[in-house]
Protein backbone atom coordinates (compact mmCIF):
# COMPACT_ATOMS: atom_id res chain seq x y z
CA MET A 1 18.70 13.80 17.91
CA ASN A 2 17.67 12.90 14.39
CA ALA A 3 17.48 14.40 10.91
CA THR A 4 13.84 15.39 10.49
CA ALA A 5 10.91 16.38 12.70
CA THR A 6 8.28 14.95 10.35
CA GLY A 7 8.14 12.26 7.72
CA GLY A 8 9.52 8.78 8.27
CA GLY A 9 9.32 6.21 11.03
CA VAL A 10 12.11 7.58 13.24
CA ALA A 11 10.42 10.96 13.65
CA GLU A 12 7.11 9.30 14.41
CA MET A 13 8.71 6.96 16.94
CA LEU A 14 10.44 9.86 18.72
CA ARG A 15 7.21 11.83 18.84
CA GLY A 16 5.70 8.97 20.84
CA LEU A 17 8.79 8.04 22.85
CA VAL A 18 9.86 11.43 24.23
CA PRO A 19 6.79 11.81 26.53
CA PHE A 20 7.73 8.49 28.18
CA GLN A 21 11.15 9.83 29.17
CA HIS A 22 12.76 12.89 30.72
CA ALA A 23 14.12 13.88 27.35
CA ALA A 24 14.41 16.69 24.85
CA TRP A 25 14.42 16.22 21.08
CA ALA A 26 16.70 18.07 18.67
CA VAL A 27 16.80 17.96 14.87
CA ILE A 28 19.83 18.67 12.71
CA ALA A 29 19.79 20.81 9.57
CA GLY A 30 21.34 19.78 6.27
CA THR A 31 21.84 20.77 2.67
CA ASP A 32 20.86 18.84 -0.45
CA GLU A 33 24.50 17.80 -0.80
CA PHE A 34 24.57 16.53 2.79
CA TYR A 35 21.44 14.46 2.32
CA ALA A 36 22.78 13.03 -0.94
CA VAL A 37 25.76 11.73 1.07
CA THR A 38 23.59 10.31 3.85
CA LYS A 39 21.35 8.58 1.29
CA TYR A 40 24.51 7.03 -0.18
CA LEU A 41 25.45 5.82 3.33
CA HIS A 42 21.92 4.44 3.70
CA HIS A 43 22.37 2.43 0.50
CA LEU A 44 25.80 1.22 1.61
CA LEU A 45 24.33 -0.17 4.82
CA HIS A 46 21.84 -2.06 2.65
CA GLY A 47 24.52 -3.34 0.27
CA GLN A 48 23.03 -1.30 -2.57
CA ALA A 49 25.90 1.08 -3.45
CA ASP A 50 29.53 1.02 -4.53
CA PRO A 51 31.82 1.08 -1.46
CA GLY A 52 34.64 2.37 -3.64
CA ARG A 53 33.08 5.84 -3.70
CA LEU A 54 34.26 6.30 -0.12
CA ASP A 55 37.84 6.29 -1.39
CA ASP A 56 37.06 9.83 -2.55
CA PRO A 57 37.33 12.11 0.53
CA ALA A 58 34.82 14.62 -0.85
CA PRO A 59 31.54 12.98 0.30
CA LEU A 60 32.60 12.66 3.94
CA ALA A 61 34.16 16.12 3.85
CA THR A 62 30.74 17.48 2.83
CA TYR A 63 29.08 15.42 5.56
CA ARG A 64 31.40 16.60 8.34
CA ALA A 65 31.46 20.22 7.18
CA THR A 66 27.67 20.34 7.37
CA LEU A 67 27.57 19.01 10.92
CA ALA A 68 30.57 20.96 12.27
CA PRO A 69 28.81 24.29 12.91
CA GLN A 70 25.93 22.48 14.62
CA THR A 71 28.09 20.70 17.17
CA GLY A 72 28.90 23.89 19.07
CA TRP A 73 25.26 24.90 19.24
CA PHE A 74 24.20 21.47 20.48
CA ALA A 75 27.04 21.22 23.02
CA ARG A 76 25.75 24.31 24.82
CA PHE A 77 22.74 22.30 26.01
CA LEU A 78 24.77 19.38 27.38
CA SER A 79 26.33 18.64 30.75
CA PRO A 80 28.59 15.83 31.94
CA GLY A 81 26.51 12.76 32.69
CA ASP A 82 23.80 13.53 30.13
CA VAL A 83 22.89 10.78 27.68
CA VAL A 84 22.60 11.70 24.00
CA VAL A 85 20.97 9.27 21.57
CA LEU A 86 21.96 9.94 17.97
CA HIS A 87 19.66 8.38 15.39
CA ASP A 88 20.85 6.94 12.08
CA PRO A 89 23.88 7.91 9.94
CA GLN A 90 22.81 11.54 9.55
CA THR A 91 23.76 12.33 13.16
CA LEU A 92 26.64 9.91 13.80
CA GLY A 93 29.16 12.60 12.91
CA LEU A 94 28.23 14.51 16.07
CA ALA A 95 29.50 11.73 18.35
CA PRO A 96 33.06 13.02 19.07
CA ALA A 97 31.90 16.55 19.93
CA VAL A 98 29.10 15.24 22.12
CA LYS A 99 31.50 12.87 23.89
CA ALA A 100 33.86 15.78 24.56
CA THR A 101 31.16 17.46 26.70
CA GLY A 102 31.25 14.54 29.14
CA ALA A 103 27.94 13.16 27.90
CA ARG A 104 27.37 9.51 27.18
CA VAL A 105 26.75 8.79 23.49
CA VAL A 106 24.37 6.13 22.19
CA TRP A 107 23.95 5.59 18.47
CA HIS A 108 20.62 4.08 17.41
CA CYS A 109 20.89 2.81 13.84
CA HIS A 110 17.41 1.95 12.57
CA ILE A 111 18.58 0.66 9.19
CA GLY A 112 20.50 -2.36 8.02
CA ALA A 113 20.34 -5.43 5.84
CA GLU A 114 21.49 -9.01 5.83
CA VAL A 115 24.47 -8.42 3.55
CA ALA A 116 28.15 -9.24 3.78
CA PRO A 117 30.27 -6.41 5.24
CA GLU A 118 32.29 -6.05 2.05
CA ARG A 119 29.13 -5.13 0.13
CA GLY A 120 28.87 -1.84 1.98
CA PRO A 121 28.47 -1.90 5.77
CA GLY A 122 32.16 -2.57 6.36
CA ALA A 123 33.11 0.51 4.35
CA VAL A 124 30.82 2.64 6.51
CA TRP A 125 32.31 1.28 9.73
CA ARG A 126 35.84 2.03 8.49
CA ALA A 127 34.96 5.51 7.27
CA PHE A 128 33.36 6.39 10.61
CA ASP A 129 35.97 4.77 12.81
CA THR A 130 36.61 8.03 14.70
CA GLU A 131 32.92 8.65 15.31
CA LEU A 132 32.23 5.06 16.37
CA ALA A 133 35.18 5.21 18.79
CA ALA A 134 33.32 8.02 20.59
CA VAL A 135 30.12 5.96 20.88
CA ASP A 136 29.47 4.26 24.22
CA ALA A 137 26.69 1.97 22.99
CA VAL A 138 24.93 1.02 19.78
CA ILE A 139 21.28 0.03 19.34
CA THR A 140 20.09 -1.87 16.26
CA THR A 141 17.01 -3.88 15.33
CA LEU A 142 19.00 -7.04 14.59
CA PRO A 143 22.46 -7.95 15.96
CA ARG A 144 23.98 -8.29 12.49
CA TYR A 145 23.19 -4.64 11.71
CA ALA A 146 25.63 -3.37 14.37
CA PRO A 147 29.25 -2.28 13.80
CA PRO A 148 31.29 -5.17 15.24
CA HIS A 149 33.98 -3.12 16.98
CA VAL A 150 31.58 -1.26 19.31
CA ARG A 151 31.57 -3.44 22.40
CA ASP A 152 28.29 -2.38 24.02
CA ARG A 153 25.70 -3.52 21.45
CA HIS A 154 21.97 -3.79 22.12
CA THR A 155 19.10 -5.15 20.07
CA ILE A 156 15.81 -3.28 20.45
CA GLU A 157 12.74 -3.56 18.26
CA PRO A 158 10.87 -0.32 17.49
CA ALA A 159 7.37 0.48 18.70
CA ILE A 160 4.29 2.53 17.87
CA ASP A 161 2.21 4.98 19.87
CA LEU A 162 -1.24 3.45 20.23
CA THR A 163 -2.74 6.81 21.22
CA SER A 164 -1.42 8.74 18.23
CA PRO A 165 -3.68 9.95 15.41
CA LYS A 166 -2.13 7.32 13.16
CA ASN A 167 -3.13 4.41 15.39
CA ARG A 168 -6.15 5.42 17.45
CA ASP A 169 -9.48 3.76 16.67
CA LEU A 170 -11.63 5.28 13.94
CA THR A 171 -15.24 4.52 13.11
CA GLU A 172 -16.17 3.45 9.59
CA GLU A 173 -17.93 6.79 9.18
CA ARG A 174 -14.78 8.69 10.17
CA VAL A 175 -12.67 6.63 7.76
CA ALA A 176 -15.10 7.41 4.96
CA ASP A 177 -15.06 11.13 5.81
CA VAL A 178 -11.25 11.32 5.80
CA LEU A 179 -10.92 9.52 2.46
CA ALA A 180 -13.65 11.66 0.93
CA GLY A 181 -11.92 14.77 2.27
CA ILE A 182 -8.66 14.01 0.48
CA GLY A 183 -10.52 13.25 -2.75
CA LEU A 184 -9.70 9.53 -2.94
CA THR A 185 -13.36 8.51 -3.02
CA THR A 186 -14.83 11.72 -4.43
CA GLY A 187 -12.32 13.05 -6.92
CA ARG A 188 -12.44 16.48 -5.33
CA PRO A 189 -9.00 18.13 -4.93
CA SER A 190 -7.55 18.58 -1.44
CA ALA A 191 -5.20 21.31 -0.27
CA GLY A 192 -3.03 18.99 1.83
CA VAL A 193 -3.03 15.72 -0.12
CA THR A 194 -2.41 15.07 -3.81
CA VAL A 195 -4.34 12.09 -5.18
CA LEU A 196 -3.46 10.97 -8.70
CA GLN A 197 -6.10 8.71 -10.19
CA ASP A 198 -8.21 8.27 -13.31
CA GLU A 199 -11.37 7.72 -11.28
CA PRO A 200 -12.29 7.86 -7.57
CA LEU A 201 -11.98 4.72 -5.49
CA PRO A 202 -15.36 2.92 -5.61
CA ARG A 203 -17.15 2.53 -2.31
CA HIS A 204 -17.22 -1.27 -2.25
CA ALA A 205 -13.97 -2.03 -4.08
CA ARG A 206 -11.51 -4.40 -2.50
CA VAL A 207 -8.29 -2.54 -1.69
CA VAL A 208 -4.62 -3.49 -1.53
CA LEU A 209 -2.53 -0.77 0.11
CA GLN A 210 1.17 -0.05 0.47
CA VAL A 211 2.23 2.89 2.65
CA SER A 212 5.91 3.77 2.29
CA ARG A 213 8.38 6.50 1.65
CA TRP A 214 9.12 6.84 -2.06
CA ASP A 215 12.42 5.05 -1.54
CA PRO A 216 14.00 2.62 -4.02
CA LEU A 217 14.24 -0.08 -1.35
CA LYS A 218 10.47 0.05 -0.71
CA ASP A 219 9.92 -1.01 -4.36
CA MET A 220 6.82 1.05 -5.06
CA PRO A 221 7.41 0.52 -8.81
CA GLY A 222 7.31 -3.22 -8.18
CA VAL A 223 3.99 -2.80 -6.40
CA VAL A 224 2.57 -1.17 -9.54
CA ARG A 225 3.84 -4.07 -11.63
CA ALA A 226 2.18 -6.50 -9.23
CA ALA A 227 -1.22 -4.85 -9.84
CA ALA A 228 -1.55 -6.45 -13.27
CA GLY A 229 -3.25 -9.80 -12.90
CA LEU A 230 -5.23 -9.00 -9.76
CA PRO A 231 -9.02 -9.40 -9.96
CA ASP A 232 -10.88 -6.65 -11.80
CA ASP A 233 -12.60 -5.34 -8.66
CA VAL A 234 -9.34 -4.95 -6.69
CA HIS A 235 -7.89 -1.45 -6.47
CA LEU A 236 -4.30 -0.63 -5.55
CA VAL A 237 -3.46 2.40 -3.39
CA LEU A 238 0.15 3.52 -3.00
CA ALA A 239 0.57 6.19 -0.35
CA GLY A 240 3.50 8.11 1.05
CA THR A 241 4.57 11.52 2.21
CA ASP A 242 4.98 14.00 -0.63
CA PRO A 243 8.66 13.46 -1.55
CA THR A 244 9.27 17.20 -1.79
CA LYS A 245 8.53 17.45 1.94
CA ILE A 246 11.26 15.04 3.09
CA PRO A 247 14.63 16.84 2.89
CA ASP A 248 16.74 13.84 3.90
CA ASP A 249 15.41 11.63 1.07
CA PRO A 250 16.63 13.16 -2.21
CA GLU A 251 15.72 10.07 -4.26
CA GLY A 252 12.05 10.21 -3.35
CA LEU A 253 11.00 12.47 -6.19
CA ALA A 254 12.74 10.26 -8.76
CA VAL A 255 10.93 7.17 -7.45
CA PHE A 256 7.60 8.99 -7.40
CA THR A 257 8.18 10.10 -11.00
CA GLU A 258 9.01 6.53 -12.02
CA VAL A 259 5.84 5.24 -10.36
CA ARG A 260 3.73 7.84 -12.17
CA ALA A 261 5.24 6.83 -15.50
CA LEU A 262 4.55 3.15 -14.85
CA VAL A 263 0.94 3.87 -13.93
CA ALA A 264 0.47 6.00 -17.05
CA ALA A 265 1.72 3.10 -19.22
CA LEU A 266 -0.72 0.56 -17.77
CA PRO A 267 -3.66 -0.64 -19.88
CA ASP A 268 -6.73 1.51 -19.28
CA ALA A 269 -8.52 -1.09 -17.16
CA ASP A 270 -5.53 -1.55 -14.85
CA ARG A 271 -4.71 2.14 -14.66
CA ARG A 272 -8.21 2.97 -13.44
CA ARG A 273 -7.59 0.67 -10.48
CA VAL A 274 -4.40 2.40 -9.29
CA HIS A 275 -4.46 5.41 -6.95
CA LEU A 276 -1.39 7.39 -5.84
CA VAL A 277 -1.59 9.40 -2.62
CA ALA A 278 1.12 11.98 -1.86
CA ASN A 279 0.45 13.28 1.64
CA ALA A 280 1.65 16.85 2.17
CA GLU A 281 -0.57 17.81 5.10
CA PRO A 282 1.34 20.46 7.08
CA ASP A 283 -0.42 19.38 10.25
CA PRO A 284 1.25 16.15 11.49
CA GLU A 285 -2.01 15.04 13.13
CA GLN A 286 -3.96 15.35 9.87
CA ASN A 287 -1.13 13.64 7.99
CA ALA A 288 -1.26 10.70 10.40
CA LEU A 289 -5.04 10.56 10.27
CA VAL A 290 -4.91 10.05 6.50
CA VAL A 291 -2.60 7.04 6.91
CA ASN A 292 -4.82 5.64 9.66
CA ALA A 293 -7.90 5.88 7.45
CA LEU A 294 -6.14 4.32 4.47
CA GLN A 295 -4.95 1.36 6.52
CA ARG A 296 -8.39 0.78 7.98
CA ARG A 297 -9.98 0.96 4.51
CA ALA A 298 -7.58 -1.65 3.10
CA ASP A 299 -8.53 -5.29 2.80
CA VAL A 300 -4.87 -6.32 2.52
CA VAL A 301 -1.77 -4.28 3.35
CA LEU A 302 1.35 -4.98 1.32
CA GLN A 303 4.98 -4.21 2.20
CA LYS A 304 7.05 -5.24 -0.82
CA SER A 305 10.40 -3.96 0.43
CA LEU A 306 13.60 -5.23 -1.14
CA GLN A 307 15.39 -4.61 2.18
CA GLU A 308 13.86 -3.52 5.47
CA GLY A 309 15.56 -2.76 8.75
CA PHE A 310 12.22 -3.18 10.50
CA GLY A 311 9.14 -1.64 8.83
CA LEU A 312 6.90 0.30 11.21
CA THR A 313 4.11 0.58 8.64
CA VAL A 314 3.60 -3.17 9.00
CA VAL A 315 3.15 -2.88 12.77
CA GLU A 316 0.73 0.01 12.20
CA ALA A 317 -1.37 -2.09 9.84
CA MET A 318 -1.25 -5.11 12.13
CA VAL A 319 -2.50 -3.20 15.18
CA LYS A 320 -5.56 -2.27 13.11
CA GLY A 321 -6.27 -5.94 12.50
CA ARG A 322 -5.27 -5.87 8.84
CA ALA A 323 -4.00 -8.93 7.01
CA VAL A 324 -0.47 -8.23 5.78
CA VAL A 325 1.64 -9.56 2.93
CA ALA A 326 5.28 -8.61 3.51
CA SER A 327 8.66 -9.38 2.02
CA ASN A 328 10.62 -12.15 3.66
CA VAL A 329 13.53 -9.84 4.48
CA GLY A 330 15.18 -8.19 7.48
CA GLY A 331 13.04 -6.92 10.31
CA LEU A 332 9.78 -7.89 8.60
CA ARG A 333 10.52 -11.47 9.63
CA LEU A 334 10.59 -10.34 13.26
CA GLN A 335 7.00 -9.20 13.03
CA ILE A 336 5.40 -11.86 10.86
CA THR A 337 5.35 -15.62 11.16
CA ASP A 338 4.24 -16.87 7.77
CA GLY A 339 0.71 -18.24 7.86
CA VAL A 340 0.22 -17.33 11.53
CA ASN A 341 -0.21 -13.53 11.64
CA GLY A 342 0.47 -12.64 8.01
CA LEU A 343 2.12 -13.93 4.85
CA LEU A 344 5.77 -13.61 3.83
CA VAL A 345 6.82 -13.52 0.18
CA ASP A 346 9.91 -13.20 -1.97
CA PRO A 347 9.76 -9.56 -3.17
CA ALA A 348 11.44 -10.51 -6.46
CA ASP A 349 8.73 -13.06 -7.28
CA LEU A 350 5.85 -11.02 -8.72
CA ASP A 351 3.75 -14.09 -9.35
CA GLY A 352 4.27 -15.16 -5.75
CA VAL A 353 3.30 -11.71 -4.48
CA ARG A 354 0.12 -11.75 -6.58
CA ALA A 355 -0.70 -15.27 -5.41
CA ALA A 356 -0.41 -14.23 -1.75
CA LEU A 357 -2.59 -11.16 -2.34
CA ARG A 358 -5.22 -13.22 -4.15
CA ARG A 359 -5.19 -15.84 -1.39
CA LEU A 360 -6.10 -13.24 1.21
CA LEU A 361 -8.48 -11.29 -1.01
CA ASP A 362 -10.46 -14.43 -1.76
CA ASP A 363 -10.60 -15.69 1.84
CA PRO A 364 -12.23 -13.20 4.25
CA ALA A 365 -12.07 -15.70 7.12
CA LEU A 366 -8.31 -16.09 6.72
CA ARG A 367 -7.89 -12.31 6.56
CA ARG A 368 -9.84 -11.95 9.77
CA THR A 369 -7.89 -14.69 11.58
CA LEU A 370 -4.49 -13.35 10.55
CA GLY A 371 -5.56 -9.80 11.40
CA GLU A 372 -6.75 -10.73 14.88
CA ARG A 373 -3.51 -12.56 15.63
CA ALA A 374 -1.50 -9.67 14.23
CA ARG A 375 -3.23 -7.13 16.47
CA ALA A 376 -2.77 -9.28 19.57
CA GLY A 377 0.94 -9.65 18.85
CA VAL A 378 1.47 -5.90 18.41
CA LEU A 379 -0.29 -5.09 21.68
CA GLU A 380 2.05 -7.50 23.42
CA ARG A 381 5.36 -6.59 21.76
CA TYR A 382 5.40 -3.17 20.11
CA THR A 383 4.14 -0.54 22.55
CA MET A 384 5.90 2.67 23.55
CA ALA A 385 5.93 1.57 27.19
CA ARG A 386 7.97 -1.49 26.21
CA LEU A 387 10.34 0.60 24.09
CA ALA A 388 10.89 3.07 26.93
CA GLU A 389 11.74 0.19 29.27
CA ASP A 390 14.24 -1.20 26.75
CA TYR A 391 15.85 2.21 26.43
CA LEU A 392 16.24 2.51 30.19
CA LYS A 393 18.15 -0.76 30.25
CA VAL A 394 20.67 0.72 27.81
CA LEU A 395 20.86 4.15 29.38
CA ARG A 396 21.33 3.09 33.01
């Protein structure tokens, strides 16, 4: 069970994982107030919010009141001996009610950061002591992301579905057709995708791409700032799901608005080289196809996250043989060995980010070598079959 059926890496992972298991998939419902609380919890787990706010009982009261009427509905589908995997903080509040049915409860927390407990994570563990006491096992990407007082802790890296529309092979002609269809290379408006740009993307331009949710921790504004100083023929594409279509991410619209303002303030020459793609395709397959085409069109894929539990968009770019520049934080370090299958950078060092981008842009042979190694590593480590096997080890 998770918080959204579309948008975000967890939903995409579940879409690929469920067919590998004898499993059903349920999605909770929430209000704007509920998702504001869960976004606050998200920031706490990354050390980016004030833990003192949890001294006020109101946020957690809102959280629990939203989930309470859903527990009875969900419990009707459960029997003793079932295994229920709750994903991320949005669903953790269901744990006691699920446990009361006789089911086994596993909490899979996909987020986390390398921060001291007192900066936020510790406050979350204390606030959810009752819920965590009902959890039989916890899964995280890195051991340090797990609540310390849950005994049965497992570390599992995520995976991607190689057969999905987002990752299947596309010809150059198909890539060109998809990007023309959304208006990126033609300027023609599209019903399902909003492209904000002064001019269409030129056919032979070199492209740096970041695909992310419009989340403060993904630092899309910082990506715009990094565009200044890149060679004149290099275009920057920032792409993400339309923030109005992701109910559990209330900050997305504010970040998107900030990015638009930064782009508008750029000098004319730089602004013409920046393209914003807000994907609102109602068809998940078409939505994924757009991301696939964008990643295959890119010369270099950037992931300038300030914190990152893992970062599935990096794996998705790597399996396509793209050269990646990623922040030297969290789960991104699991995927990339600097100089071997990509480059790692300090996300706060704009000059260093630009230097890494220029190094790859100016060296096609290095891009090709890093991309080939990246693809080989993904095929070995990040498949759905491997993830399903890891899950079975926890669930047995």
